[in-house]
């Protein structure tokens, strides 16, 4: 269903009413895919880690949070690289925002009671990840900068 909605929003339409409806549907497709990836993390923690498939037990599982961090990080860096290649500035900022959310989640939830050394090492790791993401996928230029350069 998500694929069908996405294909519909990427097609050309002749009617203006359908074109105005496509952007919210596309955003819904993206949010649905993100929700699907998040529930996939819960399913993986349940299957591999023998965590009971209950919300409160999954939210207190270290395996669930580790899988979420990995999936969200891969998603954010993939989105940033895609946005750089296709010059989509808003998508790049969405990917970078997701990477920032992962960093905050690591600091506040995953490493809350792990000690100062682990917290500091993780902070350095997150900073290196952000630097690497910015190096491999720099922010696309604004439209005014692209037009002036041509």
Protein backbone atom coordinates (compact mmCIF):
# COMPACT_ATOMS: atom_id res chain seq x y z
CA UNK A 1 0.00 0.00 0.00
CA UNK A 2 2.84 2.40 0.83
CA UNK A 3 4.47 1.62 -2.49
CA UNK A 4 1.22 2.25 -4.39
CA UNK A 5 0.75 5.62 -2.65
CA UNK A 6 4.33 6.61 -3.37
CA UNK A 7 4.03 5.63 -7.06
CA UNK A 8 0.82 7.66 -7.33
CA UNK A 9 2.48 10.75 -5.88
CA UNK A 10 5.47 10.53 -8.23
CA UNK A 11 3.31 10.28 -11.36
CA UNK A 12 2.29 13.23 -13.50
CA UNK A 13 -1.31 14.40 -13.12
CA UNK A 14 -3.33 16.74 -15.28
CA UNK A 15 -5.80 17.87 -12.65
CA UNK A 16 -4.77 20.56 -10.14
CA UNK A 17 -6.84 19.01 -7.33
CA UNK A 18 -4.89 15.73 -7.56
CA UNK A 19 -1.58 17.60 -7.61
CA UNK A 20 -2.47 19.48 -4.41
CA UNK A 21 -3.37 16.18 -2.72
CA UNK A 22 -0.13 14.45 -3.69
CA UNK A 23 2.20 16.26 -1.26
CA UNK A 24 0.29 15.29 1.95
CA UNK A 25 -0.07 11.73 0.66
CA UNK A 26 3.68 11.58 -0.07
CA UNK A 27 4.43 12.81 3.46
CA UNK A 28 2.05 10.17 4.81
CA UNK A 29 3.91 7.51 2.81
CA UNK A 30 7.23 8.62 4.28
CA UNK A 31 5.85 8.65 7.82
CA UNK A 32 4.23 5.26 7.26
CA UNK A 33 7.54 3.80 6.06
CA UNK A 34 9.33 5.27 9.07
CA UNK A 35 6.70 3.79 11.40
CA UNK A 36 7.08 0.45 9.64
CA UNK A 37 10.87 0.53 10.18
CA UNK A 38 10.35 1.38 13.85
CA UNK A 39 7.94 -1.51 14.36
CA UNK A 40 10.40 -3.73 12.50
CA UNK A 41 12.92 -2.91 15.24
CA UNK A 42 10.40 -4.03 17.85
CA UNK A 43 9.79 -7.25 15.95
CA UNK A 44 13.53 -7.93 15.67
CA UNK A 45 14.04 -7.36 19.40
CA UNK A 46 11.14 -9.70 20.13
CA UNK A 47 12.41 -12.44 17.78
CA UNK A 48 16.17 -12.26 18.38
CA UNK A 49 16.25 -11.08 21.98
CA UNK A 50 13.27 -13.01 23.36
CA UNK A 51 11.78 -9.75 24.64
CA UNK A 52 8.03 -10.16 25.17
CA UNK A 53 6.08 -8.22 22.55
CA UNK A 54 4.58 -5.72 25.00
CA UNK A 55 5.12 -1.99 24.73
CA UNK A 56 6.46 -1.38 28.23
CA UNK A 57 8.89 -4.31 28.10
CA UNK A 58 10.12 -3.36 24.63
CA UNK A 59 10.70 0.26 25.68
CA UNK A 60 12.91 -0.93 28.56
CA UNK A 61 14.91 -3.32 26.37
CA UNK A 62 18.50 -2.30 25.55
CA UNK A 63 18.37 -4.47 22.42
CA UNK A 64 15.30 -2.62 21.16
CA UNK A 65 16.97 0.77 21.65
CA UNK A 66 20.17 -0.43 19.97
CA UNK A 67 18.26 -1.69 16.93
CA UNK A 68 16.26 1.56 16.79
CA UNK A 69 19.46 3.60 16.87
CA UNK A 70 21.01 1.55 14.06
CA UNK A 71 17.92 1.64 11.83
CA UNK A 72 17.31 5.36 12.38
CA UNK A 73 20.99 6.19 11.75
CA UNK A 74 21.09 4.20 8.50
CA UNK A 75 17.82 5.84 7.45
CA UNK A 76 19.08 9.35 8.21
CA UNK A 77 22.42 8.95 6.43
CA UNK A 78 20.72 7.31 3.43
CA UNK A 79 18.26 10.20 3.26
CA UNK A 80 21.08 12.75 3.46
CA UNK A 81 23.05 11.05 0.67
CA UNK A 82 19.93 10.80 -1.50
CA UNK A 83 19.11 14.46 -0.87
CA UNK A 84 22.63 15.54 -1.81
CA UNK A 85 22.58 13.57 -5.06
CA UNK A 86 19.15 14.93 -6.05
CA UNK A 87 19.63 18.49 -4.67
CA UNK A 88 16.73 18.28 -2.22
CA UNK A 89 17.59 20.59 0.63
CA UNK A 90 14.48 19.90 2.75
CA UNK A 91 15.10 16.15 2.60
CA UNK A 92 18.71 16.71 3.67
CA UNK A 93 17.56 18.67 6.71
CA UNK A 94 15.02 15.95 7.53
CA UNK A 95 17.82 13.36 7.50
CA UNK A 96 20.08 15.55 9.60
CA UNK A 97 17.23 16.15 12.08
CA UNK A 98 16.72 12.41 12.40
CA UNK A 99 20.46 12.00 13.03
CA UNK A 100 20.25 14.66 15.75
CA UNK A 101 17.28 12.84 17.31
CA UNK A 102 19.34 9.64 17.36
CA UNK A 103 22.17 11.50 19.09
CA UNK A 104 19.85 12.93 21.74
CA UNK A 105 18.25 9.48 22.21
CA UNK A 106 21.67 7.92 22.72
CA UNK A 107 22.66 10.52 25.30
CA UNK A 108 19.37 10.67 27.23
CA UNK A 109 17.99 7.13 27.06
CA UNK A 110 20.59 4.59 25.99
CA UNK A 111 23.48 5.89 28.09
CA UNK A 112 21.61 7.45 31.00
CA UNK A 113 23.12 5.18 33.67
CA UNK A 114 26.24 3.83 31.96
CA UNK A 115 28.93 6.07 33.49
CA UNK A 116 31.01 9.03 32.40
CA UNK A 117 33.56 7.15 30.28
CA UNK A 118 30.91 5.38 28.19
CA UNK A 119 28.91 8.60 27.87
CA UNK A 120 31.99 10.56 26.70
CA UNK A 121 33.05 7.86 24.23
CA UNK A 122 29.55 7.75 22.81
CA UNK A 123 29.47 11.54 22.49
CA UNK A 124 32.72 11.45 20.52
CA UNK A 125 31.32 8.65 18.35
CA UNK A 126 28.17 10.63 17.61
CA UNK A 127 30.23 13.72 16.75
CA UNK A 128 32.37 11.66 14.35
CA UNK A 129 29.22 10.22 12.78
CA UNK A 130 27.81 13.72 12.20
CA UNK A 131 31.12 14.88 10.71
CA UNK A 132 31.26 11.83 8.42
CA UNK A 133 27.65 12.33 7.32
CA UNK A 134 28.31 15.99 6.56
CA UNK A 135 31.48 15.10 4.62
CA UNK A 136 29.92 12.39 2.47
CA UNK A 137 26.69 14.30 1.88
CA UNK A 138 27.09 18.07 2.17
CA UNK A 139 23.94 20.16 2.26
CA UNK A 140 22.62 20.93 -1.22
CA UNK A 141 22.82 24.61 -2.19
CA UNK A 142 19.79 26.87 -1.99
CA UNK A 143 17.87 27.36 -5.21
CA UNK A 144 19.07 30.99 -5.48
CA UNK A 145 22.71 29.83 -5.26
CA UNK A 146 22.14 27.20 -7.96
CA UNK A 147 20.49 29.70 -10.31
CA UNK A 148 23.27 32.29 -9.77
CA UNK A 149 25.99 29.69 -10.42
CA UNK A 150 24.52 28.65 -13.78
